[in-house]
N, C-alpha and C. Protein backbone atom coordinates (compact mmCIF):
# COMPACT_ATOMS: atom_id res chain seq x y z
N UNK A 1 -121.16 -6.83 142.91
CA UNK A 1 -121.40 -7.75 141.79
C UNK A 1 -121.97 -6.41 140.91
N UNK A 2 -121.40 -5.85 139.66
CA UNK A 2 -122.25 -5.23 138.60
C UNK A 2 -123.02 -6.18 137.43
N UNK A 3 -123.93 -5.65 137.24
CA UNK A 3 -125.30 -6.37 136.59
C UNK A 3 -124.18 -7.14 135.12
N UNK A 4 -123.44 -6.46 135.33
CA UNK A 4 -122.51 -7.39 133.88
C UNK A 4 -122.23 -8.79 134.18
N UNK A 5 -121.66 -8.51 135.45
CA UNK A 5 -121.06 -9.56 135.96
C UNK A 5 -122.65 -10.75 136.85
N UNK A 6 -123.32 -10.02 136.46
CA UNK A 6 -124.76 -10.80 136.80
C UNK A 6 -124.78 -11.68 136.24
N UNK A 7 -124.94 -11.54 135.09
CA UNK A 7 -125.52 -11.28 133.36
C UNK A 7 -124.67 -12.56 132.81
N UNK A 8 -123.32 -12.80 133.46
CA UNK A 8 -122.26 -13.60 132.86
C UNK A 8 -122.80 -15.32 133.37
N UNK A 9 -122.07 -15.93 132.13
CA UNK A 9 -122.68 -17.29 133.06
C UNK A 9 -121.60 -18.04 132.93
N UNK A 10 -121.48 -19.35 134.21
CA UNK A 10 -120.15 -20.14 133.88
C UNK A 10 -120.84 -21.02 134.13
N UNK A 11 -119.37 -22.01 133.28
CA UNK A 11 -119.90 -23.71 133.70
C UNK A 11 -119.47 -24.62 134.39
N UNK A 12 -119.90 -25.40 134.62
CA UNK A 12 -119.68 -26.43 135.66
C UNK A 12 -120.17 -27.86 134.75
N UNK A 13 -119.10 -29.00 134.67
CA UNK A 13 -120.04 -29.98 134.54
C UNK A 13 -120.61 -30.76 134.91
N UNK A 14 -121.92 -31.49 134.00
CA UNK A 14 -122.40 -32.28 134.44
C UNK A 14 -122.39 -33.86 134.58
N UNK A 15 -122.78 -34.67 134.72
CA UNK A 15 -122.48 -36.42 134.25
C UNK A 15 -122.88 -36.11 133.14
N UNK A 16 -121.13 -36.87 132.75
CA UNK A 16 -121.54 -37.16 131.40
C UNK A 16 -120.79 -38.90 130.68
N UNK A 17 -120.87 -38.84 129.66
CA UNK A 17 -121.06 -39.71 128.64
C UNK A 17 -120.69 -40.29 127.34
N UNK A 18 -119.43 -40.79 127.28
CA UNK A 18 -119.05 -40.73 125.78
C UNK A 18 -118.17 -41.65 125.09
N UNK A 19 -118.15 -41.93 123.78
CA UNK A 19 -117.56 -43.13 123.42
C UNK A 19 -118.31 -44.72 123.52
N UNK A 20 -117.96 -45.55 123.32
CA UNK A 20 -118.41 -47.15 123.89
C UNK A 20 -119.54 -47.06 124.87
N UNK A 21 -119.50 -46.17 125.45
CA UNK A 21 -120.65 -46.61 126.68
C UNK A 21 -121.94 -45.66 126.49
N UNK A 22 -121.71 -44.79 125.61
CA UNK A 22 -122.45 -43.86 125.49
C UNK A 22 -123.89 -44.46 124.10
N UNK A 23 -122.83 -45.01 123.25
CA UNK A 23 -123.42 -45.86 122.21
C UNK A 23 -124.07 -46.96 122.64
N UNK A 24 -123.94 -47.11 123.13
CA UNK A 24 -124.20 -48.78 124.04
C UNK A 24 -125.93 -48.14 124.68
N UNK A 25 -125.29 -47.59 125.72
CA UNK A 25 -126.19 -47.33 126.59
C UNK A 25 -127.87 -46.34 126.01
N UNK A 26 -127.43 -45.65 124.64
CA UNK A 26 -128.23 -45.40 123.60
C UNK A 26 -129.07 -46.56 123.28
N UNK A 27 -128.17 -47.50 122.32
CA UNK A 27 -129.37 -47.87 121.73
C UNK A 27 -129.97 -49.32 122.76
N UNK A 28 -129.32 -49.63 124.17
CA UNK A 28 -129.66 -49.94 124.61
C UNK A 28 -131.36 -49.55 124.63
N UNK A 29 -131.66 -48.34 125.27
CA UNK A 29 -132.47 -47.50 125.82
C UNK A 29 -133.52 -47.34 124.55
N UNK A 30 -133.08 -46.92 122.98
CA UNK A 30 -133.87 -46.90 122.12
C UNK A 30 -134.72 -48.09 121.77
N UNK A 31 -133.82 -49.38 121.92
CA UNK A 31 -134.15 -51.29 121.92
C UNK A 31 -134.79 -51.25 122.66
N UNK A 32 -134.68 -50.34 124.33
CA UNK A 32 -135.79 -51.01 124.84
C UNK A 32 -137.60 -50.42 125.00
N UNK A 33 -137.12 -49.51 124.30
CA UNK A 33 -138.79 -48.55 124.32
C UNK A 33 -139.17 -48.63 122.71
N UNK A 34 -138.61 -48.81 122.31
CA UNK A 34 -138.81 -49.25 120.53
C UNK A 34 -139.80 -50.82 120.54
N UNK A 35 -138.88 -51.91 120.95
CA UNK A 35 -139.17 -53.02 121.16
C UNK A 35 -140.22 -53.26 122.24
N UNK A 36 -140.19 -52.66 123.09
CA UNK A 36 -141.42 -53.54 124.35
C UNK A 36 -142.66 -52.66 123.59
N UNK A 37 -142.33 -50.90 123.30
CA UNK A 37 -143.72 -50.76 121.84
C UNK A 37 -144.11 -51.59 121.19
N UNK A 38 -143.62 -51.90 120.28
CA UNK A 38 -143.42 -53.81 119.41
C UNK A 38 -144.35 -54.52 119.65
N UNK A 39 -143.80 -55.30 120.61
CA UNK A 39 -143.86 -56.51 121.57
C UNK A 39 -145.78 -55.73 121.76
N UNK A 40 -146.31 -54.98 122.40
CA UNK A 40 -147.01 -54.78 123.36
C UNK A 40 -148.26 -54.88 122.26
N UNK A 41 -147.57 -54.03 121.17
CA UNK A 41 -149.05 -54.26 119.49
C UNK A 41 -148.96 -54.72 119.04
N UNK A 42 -147.63 -55.87 118.74
CA UNK A 42 -148.83 -57.44 118.23
C UNK A 42 -149.45 -57.89 118.90
N UNK A 43 -149.15 -57.72 120.63
CA UNK A 43 -149.68 -58.55 121.31
C UNK A 43 -151.44 -57.87 121.26
N UNK A 44 -151.55 -57.19 121.24
CA UNK A 44 -153.10 -56.14 121.03
C UNK A 44 -154.27 -56.82 119.96
N UNK A 45 -152.64 -56.64 118.79
CA UNK A 45 -153.23 -57.07 116.96
C UNK A 45 -153.53 -58.92 117.44
N UNK A 46 -152.86 -59.38 117.84
CA UNK A 46 -153.62 -60.89 118.21
C UNK A 46 -154.37 -61.38 119.20
N UNK A 47 -154.88 -59.99 119.94
CA UNK A 47 -155.48 -61.29 121.01
C UNK A 47 -156.10 -60.67 121.15
N UNK A 48 -156.54 -58.99 120.54
CA UNK A 48 -157.91 -58.06 120.16
C UNK A 48 -158.66 -57.76 119.15
N UNK A 49 -159.93 -57.05 119.10
CA UNK A 49 -160.20 -56.53 118.11
C UNK A 49 -160.25 -55.70 117.95
N UNK A 50 -160.53 -54.85 117.01
CA UNK A 50 -160.24 -53.16 116.53
C UNK A 50 -161.63 -53.11 117.05
N UNK A 51 -161.21 -51.72 118.23
CA UNK A 51 -162.81 -51.00 119.03
C UNK A 51 -162.92 -51.91 120.65
N UNK A 52 -162.51 -53.02 120.43
CA UNK A 52 -162.12 -54.40 122.07
C UNK A 52 -161.77 -53.40 123.00
N UNK A 53 -162.25 -53.20 124.53
CA UNK A 53 -162.25 -52.26 124.86
C UNK A 53 -161.92 -53.18 126.33
N UNK A 54 -161.17 -53.33 126.79
CA UNK A 54 -160.88 -54.67 128.00
C UNK A 54 -160.50 -53.56 129.64
N UNK A 55 -161.38 -53.53 131.03
CA UNK A 55 -161.25 -52.81 131.48
C UNK A 55 -158.98 -53.35 132.35
N UNK A 56 -158.92 -52.32 132.84
CA UNK A 56 -157.19 -52.88 133.64
C UNK A 56 -158.30 -52.88 135.13
N UNK A 57 -158.24 -50.99 134.97
CA UNK A 57 -158.74 -50.12 136.42
C UNK A 57 -160.02 -50.18 136.48
N UNK A 58 -160.97 -50.43 136.65
CA UNK A 58 -162.36 -50.02 136.48
C UNK A 58 -163.00 -48.80 136.66
N UNK A 59 -162.94 -47.89 135.64
CA UNK A 59 -163.19 -46.57 135.59
C UNK A 59 -162.27 -45.57 135.55
N UNK A 60 -161.16 -45.89 135.04
CA UNK A 60 -159.00 -45.39 135.24
C UNK A 60 -158.58 -45.89 134.28
N UNK A 61 -158.88 -47.09 133.85
CA UNK A 61 -157.19 -47.10 132.78
C UNK A 61 -157.88 -48.71 132.05
N UNK A 62 -158.46 -48.96 130.89
CA UNK A 62 -158.88 -49.99 129.52
C UNK A 62 -157.52 -50.21 128.86
N UNK A 63 -157.37 -51.27 128.57
CA UNK A 63 -156.95 -51.42 126.96
C UNK A 63 -158.09 -51.48 126.24
N UNK A 64 -157.69 -50.29 124.56
CA UNK A 64 -158.67 -50.12 124.27
C UNK A 64 -158.10 -50.08 123.16
N UNK A 65 -158.13 -51.20 121.81
CA UNK A 65 -157.53 -51.57 120.53
C UNK A 65 -158.25 -50.16 119.75
N UNK A 66 -157.21 -49.45 119.58
CA UNK A 66 -157.39 -48.11 117.92
C UNK A 66 -156.91 -47.91 117.08
N UNK A 67 -157.29 -48.27 115.88
CA UNK A 67 -155.92 -47.41 114.70
C UNK A 67 -156.42 -46.24 114.22
N UNK A 68 -154.88 -45.99 115.07
CA UNK A 68 -154.68 -43.86 114.64
C UNK A 68 -154.58 -43.33 112.76
N UNK A 69 -155.22 -43.18 112.10
CA UNK A 69 -154.47 -42.62 110.82
C UNK A 69 -153.82 -41.62 111.54
N UNK A 70 -153.59 -40.56 112.19
CA UNK A 70 -153.34 -39.65 111.90
C UNK A 70 -152.55 -39.11 113.42
N UNK A 71 -151.81 -37.53 113.57
CA UNK A 71 -151.08 -37.63 114.85
C UNK A 71 -151.66 -38.33 116.64
N UNK A 72 -151.65 -37.02 117.24
CA UNK A 72 -152.15 -36.61 118.49
C UNK A 72 -153.36 -36.42 117.73
N UNK A 73 -154.84 -36.92 119.20
CA UNK A 73 -155.85 -36.65 119.10
C UNK A 73 -156.54 -37.13 117.87
N UNK A 74 -156.04 -37.60 117.13
CA UNK A 74 -156.08 -38.25 115.74
C UNK A 74 -156.55 -36.95 114.83
N UNK A 75 -154.97 -36.36 115.15
CA UNK A 75 -155.62 -34.91 114.41
C UNK A 75 -154.73 -35.03 112.81
N UNK A 76 -154.84 -34.79 111.54
CA UNK A 76 -154.84 -34.79 110.48
C UNK A 76 -154.45 -36.29 109.55
N UNK A 77 -155.93 -37.03 110.20
CA UNK A 77 -155.86 -38.27 109.44
C UNK A 77 -155.75 -38.41 108.16
N UNK A 78 -155.85 -37.12 107.16
CA UNK A 78 -155.86 -37.16 105.32
C UNK A 78 -154.60 -37.19 105.17
N UNK A 79 -153.50 -36.61 106.08
CA UNK A 79 -152.26 -36.66 105.80
C UNK A 79 -150.76 -37.22 106.65
N UNK A 80 -151.37 -38.16 106.60
CA UNK A 80 -150.75 -39.11 107.58
C UNK A 80 -149.21 -39.70 106.95
N UNK A 81 -148.91 -39.04 105.39
CA UNK A 81 -147.39 -39.40 105.14
C UNK A 81 -146.85 -37.63 105.00
N UNK A 82 -147.00 -37.14 105.66
CA UNK A 82 -146.99 -35.85 105.82
C UNK A 82 -146.52 -36.68 107.91
N UNK A 83 -147.19 -36.60 108.79
CA UNK A 83 -146.68 -37.48 110.05
C UNK A 83 -145.10 -38.43 109.45
N UNK A 84 -145.43 -39.64 108.66
CA UNK A 84 -143.89 -40.28 108.02
C UNK A 84 -142.99 -39.33 107.97
N UNK A 85 -143.02 -38.26 107.02
CA UNK A 85 -141.71 -37.32 106.98
C UNK A 85 -140.90 -37.61 107.96
N UNK A 86 -142.81 -36.68 108.62
CA UNK A 86 -141.95 -35.57 109.80
C UNK A 86 -140.81 -36.92 111.13
N UNK A 87 -141.88 -37.62 111.24
CA UNK A 87 -141.26 -38.87 112.36
C UNK A 87 -139.48 -39.17 111.73
N UNK A 88 -139.52 -39.22 110.33
CA UNK A 88 -138.32 -39.63 110.12
C UNK A 88 -137.16 -38.82 110.34
N UNK A 89 -138.06 -37.64 109.94
CA UNK A 89 -136.55 -36.30 110.14
C UNK A 89 -136.25 -36.56 111.68
N UNK A 90 -137.34 -36.13 112.37
CA UNK A 90 -137.01 -36.29 113.92
C UNK A 90 -136.25 -37.29 114.47
N UNK A 91 -136.80 -38.89 113.95
CA UNK A 91 -135.17 -40.61 114.62
C UNK A 91 -134.17 -39.48 113.72
N UNK A 92 -133.91 -38.75 112.95
CA UNK A 92 -132.65 -38.92 112.25
C UNK A 92 -131.99 -37.55 112.68
N UNK A 93 -132.48 -36.89 113.49
CA UNK A 93 -132.10 -35.79 114.42
C UNK A 93 -131.99 -36.48 115.65
N UNK A 94 -132.42 -36.74 116.44
CA UNK A 94 -132.06 -37.88 117.48
C UNK A 94 -131.26 -38.76 117.75
N UNK A 95 -130.82 -38.88 116.08
CA UNK A 95 -129.34 -39.83 115.71
C UNK A 95 -127.64 -38.72 116.09
N UNK A 96 -128.77 -37.38 115.15
CA UNK A 96 -127.23 -36.87 115.42
C UNK A 96 -126.78 -36.20 116.58
N UNK A 97 -128.16 -35.88 117.49
CA UNK A 97 -127.73 -35.09 118.49
C UNK A 97 -127.71 -36.00 119.80
N UNK A 98 -127.92 -37.33 119.16
CA UNK A 98 -127.11 -38.58 120.81
C UNK A 98 -125.57 -38.37 120.48
N UNK A 99 -125.22 -38.62 118.22
CA UNK A 99 -123.81 -38.68 118.97
C UNK A 99 -123.18 -37.53 118.83
N UNK A 100 -123.26 -36.03 119.04
CA UNK A 100 -122.82 -35.00 119.68
C UNK A 100 -123.16 -34.76 120.78
N UNK A 101 -123.93 -35.22 121.69
CA UNK A 101 -124.27 -35.06 123.16
C UNK A 101 -122.50 -35.84 123.51
N UNK A 102 -122.78 -35.17 125.44
CA UNK A 102 -121.84 -35.45 126.35
C UNK A 102 -122.77 -35.98 127.54
N UNK A 103 -123.85 -35.74 127.39
CA UNK A 103 -124.52 -35.44 128.99
C UNK A 103 -125.51 -36.35 128.93
N UNK A 104 -124.45 -37.15 130.00
CA UNK A 104 -125.10 -38.97 130.16
C UNK A 104 -127.08 -38.39 130.00
N UNK A 105 -127.65 -37.06 130.82
CA UNK A 105 -129.12 -37.13 130.31
C UNK A 105 -129.87 -36.52 129.39
N UNK A 106 -129.63 -36.21 128.53
CA UNK A 106 -129.65 -35.59 127.56
C UNK A 106 -129.01 -36.82 126.05
N UNK A 107 -127.89 -37.93 126.45
CA UNK A 107 -128.60 -38.95 125.92
C UNK A 107 -129.13 -40.39 126.05
N UNK A 108 -129.42 -40.26 127.43
CA UNK A 108 -130.76 -40.64 127.97
C UNK A 108 -132.13 -40.69 127.53
N UNK A 109 -132.64 -39.56 127.60
CA UNK A 109 -134.43 -38.95 127.11
C UNK A 109 -134.25 -38.89 125.54
N UNK A 110 -132.55 -38.05 124.69
CA UNK A 110 -132.66 -38.24 123.32
C UNK A 110 -133.25 -40.40 122.78
N UNK A 111 -132.35 -41.27 123.49
CA UNK A 111 -132.34 -42.20 123.27
C UNK A 111 -133.59 -42.59 123.14
N UNK A 112 -134.93 -42.19 123.86
CA UNK A 112 -135.87 -42.76 125.04
C UNK A 112 -136.88 -42.17 124.03
N UNK A 113 -136.53 -40.43 123.82
CA UNK A 113 -137.24 -39.73 122.02
C UNK A 113 -137.16 -40.62 120.90
N UNK A 114 -135.88 -41.21 120.40
CA UNK A 114 -135.88 -41.54 119.24
C UNK A 114 -136.44 -43.01 119.17
N UNK A 115 -136.62 -43.77 120.40
CA UNK A 115 -136.79 -45.26 121.23
C UNK A 115 -138.97 -45.19 120.52
N UNK A 116 -139.19 -43.59 121.37
CA UNK A 116 -140.43 -43.52 120.19
C UNK A 116 -141.18 -43.39 119.04
N UNK A 117 -140.26 -42.45 118.92
CA UNK A 117 -140.38 -42.13 117.01
C UNK A 117 -140.73 -43.10 116.04
N UNK A 118 -139.28 -43.85 116.35
CA UNK A 118 -139.48 -44.97 115.97
C UNK A 118 -140.28 -45.70 115.86
N UNK A 119 -141.33 -46.18 116.74
CA UNK A 119 -141.71 -47.17 117.32
C UNK A 119 -143.26 -46.51 116.42
N UNK A 120 -143.92 -45.26 116.20
CA UNK A 120 -144.59 -45.09 115.37
C UNK A 120 -145.09 -45.15 114.39
N UNK A 121 -143.05 -44.70 113.91
CA UNK A 121 -142.64 -44.56 112.68
C UNK A 121 -143.20 -46.22 112.15
N UNK A 122 -142.83 -46.84 112.50
CA UNK A 122 -142.44 -48.29 112.14
C UNK A 122 -144.19 -48.90 111.54
N UNK A 123 -145.52 -48.10 112.46
CA UNK A 123 -146.08 -48.52 112.13
C UNK A 123 -146.73 -47.64 110.93
N UNK A 124 -146.08 -46.41 110.64
CA UNK A 124 -146.64 -45.85 109.62
C UNK A 124 -146.40 -46.62 108.39
N UNK A 125 -144.74 -47.49 108.70
CA UNK A 125 -144.35 -47.57 107.25
C UNK A 125 -144.77 -48.84 106.56
N UNK A 126 -145.19 -49.65 108.25
CA UNK A 126 -146.05 -51.36 108.13
C UNK A 126 -147.06 -51.61 107.96
N UNK A 127 -147.58 -51.00 108.00
CA UNK A 127 -149.02 -51.33 108.97
C UNK A 127 -150.06 -51.00 107.40
N UNK A 128 -150.91 -51.68 107.76
CA UNK A 128 -152.55 -51.44 106.98
C UNK A 128 -152.48 -49.53 106.80
N UNK A 129 -152.59 -49.26 105.91
CA UNK A 129 -153.34 -49.66 104.08
C UNK A 129 -152.33 -49.30 103.70
N UNK A 130 -150.69 -48.91 104.18
CA UNK A 130 -149.88 -49.07 102.92
C UNK A 130 -148.41 -48.70 104.15
N UNK A 131 -147.66 -48.54 102.82
CA UNK A 131 -145.85 -47.25 103.32
C UNK A 131 -146.76 -46.31 103.12
N UNK A 132 -145.93 -46.16 104.36
CA UNK A 132 -146.06 -44.78 104.55
C UNK A 132 -147.50 -43.73 105.08
N UNK A 133 -148.52 -44.63 105.05
CA UNK A 133 -149.16 -44.18 105.49
C UNK A 133 -150.19 -44.97 106.64
N UNK A 134 -149.37 -46.28 107.19
CA UNK A 134 -150.37 -46.94 107.95
C UNK A 134 -150.96 -46.43 109.06
N UNK A 135 -152.28 -47.49 110.10
CA UNK A 135 -152.08 -46.48 111.21
C UNK A 135 -151.58 -46.86 112.64
N UNK A 136 -151.14 -46.46 113.19
CA UNK A 136 -151.14 -46.38 114.92
C UNK A 136 -151.81 -46.98 115.35
N UNK A 137 -151.18 -48.36 115.61
CA UNK A 137 -151.86 -48.96 117.15
C UNK A 137 -151.99 -47.73 118.66
N UNK A 138 -152.74 -47.77 119.13
CA UNK A 138 -153.22 -47.53 120.21
C UNK A 138 -154.11 -48.02 121.06
N UNK A 139 -153.30 -48.12 122.52
CA UNK A 139 -154.18 -49.01 123.40
C UNK A 139 -153.84 -48.98 125.02
N UNK A 140 -153.80 -47.60 124.93
CA UNK A 140 -153.90 -47.09 126.89
C UNK A 140 -154.87 -46.21 126.06
N UNK A 141 -156.30 -46.13 127.20
CA UNK A 141 -157.46 -46.09 127.27
C UNK A 141 -157.55 -44.84 128.65
N UNK A 142 -157.83 -44.35 128.74
CA UNK A 142 -157.69 -43.23 130.02
C UNK A 142 -159.40 -42.32 129.92
N UNK A 143 -159.91 -41.82 130.88
CA UNK A 143 -161.33 -41.30 130.94
C UNK A 143 -160.98 -40.38 130.44
N UNK A 144 -161.53 -39.48 129.45
CA UNK A 144 -161.43 -37.85 129.25
C UNK A 144 -160.35 -37.61 128.76
N UNK A 145 -159.60 -37.94 127.80
CA UNK A 145 -158.32 -38.46 127.97
C UNK A 145 -158.71 -39.43 126.55
N UNK A 146 -157.07 -39.12 125.11
CA UNK A 146 -156.64 -40.29 124.09
C UNK A 146 -156.89 -40.96 124.24
N UNK A 147 -156.24 -41.98 122.94
CA UNK A 147 -156.29 -43.75 123.13
C UNK A 147 -154.38 -42.67 122.59
N UNK A 148 -153.64 -43.98 123.05
CA UNK A 148 -152.45 -43.31 123.16
C UNK A 148 -151.31 -44.80 123.67
N UNK A 149 -150.49 -44.82 123.22
CA UNK A 149 -149.62 -46.12 123.45
C UNK A 149 -148.17 -46.27 123.80
N UNK A 150 -147.40 -47.15 124.69
CA UNK A 150 -146.02 -46.39 125.01
C UNK A 150 -145.01 -45.65 124.22
N UNK A 151 -145.20 -45.82 123.05
CA UNK A 151 -144.15 -45.49 121.90
C UNK A 151 -144.64 -43.55 122.02
N UNK A 152 -146.55 -43.23 122.48
CA UNK A 152 -146.55 -41.73 123.17
C UNK A 152 -145.80 -41.07 124.26
N UNK A 153 -146.31 -42.42 125.20
CA UNK A 153 -145.72 -42.03 126.28
C UNK A 153 -144.63 -41.60 126.32
N UNK A 154 -143.77 -42.42 125.77
CA UNK A 154 -142.44 -42.32 125.88
C UNK A 154 -142.12 -40.92 125.02
N UNK A 155 -142.52 -40.18 124.47
CA UNK A 155 -142.59 -39.49 123.12
C UNK A 155 -142.71 -37.95 124.10
N UNK A 156 -143.55 -38.01 124.29
CA UNK A 156 -144.18 -36.71 125.56
C UNK A 156 -143.56 -36.54 126.98
N UNK A 157 -142.92 -38.13 127.73
CA UNK A 157 -142.08 -37.80 128.84
C UNK A 157 -141.02 -37.45 128.53
N UNK A 158 -139.88 -37.94 127.67
CA UNK A 158 -138.93 -37.48 127.36
C UNK A 158 -139.09 -36.35 126.82
N UNK A 159 -139.63 -35.33 125.67
CA UNK A 159 -139.36 -34.34 125.24
C UNK A 159 -139.79 -33.65 126.51
N UNK A 160 -140.64 -33.37 127.65
CA UNK A 160 -141.31 -32.98 128.71
C UNK A 160 -139.67 -32.64 130.18
N UNK A 161 -139.20 -34.10 129.78
CA UNK A 161 -138.05 -34.23 130.67
C UNK A 161 -136.65 -32.97 129.52
N UNK A 162 -137.02 -33.26 128.43
CA UNK A 162 -135.54 -32.79 127.42
C UNK A 162 -135.84 -30.60 127.55
N UNK A 163 -136.94 -30.53 128.12
CA UNK A 163 -137.32 -29.02 128.22
C UNK A 163 -137.27 -28.66 129.77
N UNK A 164 -137.59 -29.89 130.45
CA UNK A 164 -136.34 -28.93 131.88
C UNK A 164 -135.58 -29.17 131.98
N UNK A 165 -134.53 -30.29 131.31
CA UNK A 165 -132.95 -30.27 131.34
C UNK A 165 -132.43 -28.61 129.90
N UNK A 166 -133.31 -28.50 129.53
CA UNK A 166 -133.26 -26.64 128.96
C UNK A 166 -133.07 -25.77 129.93
N UNK A 167 -134.00 -26.01 130.72
CA UNK A 167 -134.85 -24.74 131.70
C UNK A 167 -133.86 -24.09 132.64
N UNK A 168 -133.25 -25.93 133.04
CA UNK A 168 -132.18 -26.14 133.96
C UNK A 168 -130.75 -25.44 133.68
N UNK A 169 -130.02 -25.29 132.52
CA UNK A 169 -129.79 -25.37 131.91
C UNK A 169 -128.18 -26.24 131.72
N UNK A 170 -128.75 -27.27 131.64
CA UNK A 170 -128.34 -28.37 131.20
C UNK A 170 -127.51 -28.76 130.13
N UNK A 171 -127.15 -28.42 129.82
CA UNK A 171 -126.05 -28.30 128.00
C UNK A 171 -126.24 -30.10 127.46
N UNK A 172 -126.23 -30.13 126.30
CA UNK A 172 -126.16 -31.34 125.43
C UNK A 172 -124.20 -31.92 125.30
N UNK A 173 -123.29 -30.43 126.13
CA UNK A 173 -121.93 -30.34 125.80
C UNK A 173 -121.18 -31.50 126.91
N UNK A 174 -122.34 -31.91 128.12
CA UNK A 174 -122.36 -32.49 129.36
C UNK A 174 -121.69 -31.23 130.70
N UNK A 175 -121.67 -30.30 130.45
CA UNK A 175 -121.65 -28.89 131.39
C UNK A 175 -123.26 -27.93 131.19
N UNK A 176 -123.02 -27.08 132.42
CA UNK A 176 -124.35 -26.41 133.32
C UNK A 176 -124.28 -25.11 132.91
N UNK A 177 -124.91 -24.33 132.64
CA UNK A 177 -124.95 -22.83 132.41
C UNK A 177 -125.12 -22.85 134.17
N UNK A 178 -124.26 -22.25 134.65
CA UNK A 178 -125.09 -21.54 136.48
C UNK A 178 -124.31 -20.29 136.27
N UNK A 179 -125.17 -19.45 137.11
CA UNK A 179 -124.79 -17.55 136.39
C UNK A 179 -123.74 -17.41 137.76
N UNK A 180 -123.15 -15.87 137.34
CA UNK A 180 -122.20 -15.87 137.84
C UNK A 180 -122.08 -15.16 138.94
N UNK A 181 -124.12 -14.72 139.69
CA UNK A 181 -124.07 -14.23 140.95
C UNK A 181 -124.54 -16.15 142.19
N UNK A 182 -124.85 -17.16 141.37
CA UNK A 182 -125.13 -18.12 141.86
C UNK A 182 -123.63 -18.40 142.95
N UNK A 183 -122.79 -18.39 141.72
CA UNK A 183 -121.56 -18.76 142.04
C UNK A 183 -120.83 -17.83 143.16
N UNK A 184 -121.48 -16.91 143.24
CA UNK A 184 -120.61 -15.80 143.92
C UNK A 184 -120.58 -15.99 145.11
N UNK A 185 -122.45 -16.42 144.89
CA UNK A 185 -122.95 -17.08 146.63
C UNK A 185 -122.77 -17.94 146.76
N UNK A 186 -122.35 -19.62 146.08
CA UNK A 186 -121.69 -21.00 147.01
C UNK A 186 -119.95 -20.05 147.42
N UNK A 187 -119.71 -19.60 146.82
CA UNK A 187 -117.95 -18.82 147.59
C UNK A 187 -118.03 -18.45 148.63
N UNK A 188 -118.96 -17.88 148.94
CA UNK A 188 -119.76 -17.01 149.79
C UNK A 188 -119.65 -17.48 151.06
N UNK A 189 -120.81 -19.09 150.90
CA UNK A 189 -120.89 -19.81 151.53
C UNK A 189 -119.97 -20.81 152.54
């Protein structure tokens, strides 16, 4: 096989989803993440006071009510409105990408990402101290790490999986890039 042939990639289909099924799946996952995040935040707000810590697994996991005016690790506390704009754009990009996606995996993880983004965006828009500058409710605390919430977890996990999908060559159009060399080896077997 020549060097040129090795560099050429072929496309093989992966699990695809389209039409109504895709939008129902995406809407379900989005609402599951967003809804669960908002329900838990409501429970934390109505049953705990800011700063309260309740051990779940002693020394390993606590519910800790914290209002975060910034982003991850409370960075940018004085520029909350910038995160509101970025989150709004991120949610819109997710919606457009979901509409374009044909890959089941991309549809799933973009919907989870969008649910996480909108969960925190909701807080920035509708919580004190005001519209667009609201503080995000965080409630999960582990040793030597930030306090976070379900939306944060959904964002981090989905972004990690999206990076893996990219590395694995799984494209949003429902195809997977496979090198010609790998195809030749499979044909020889």
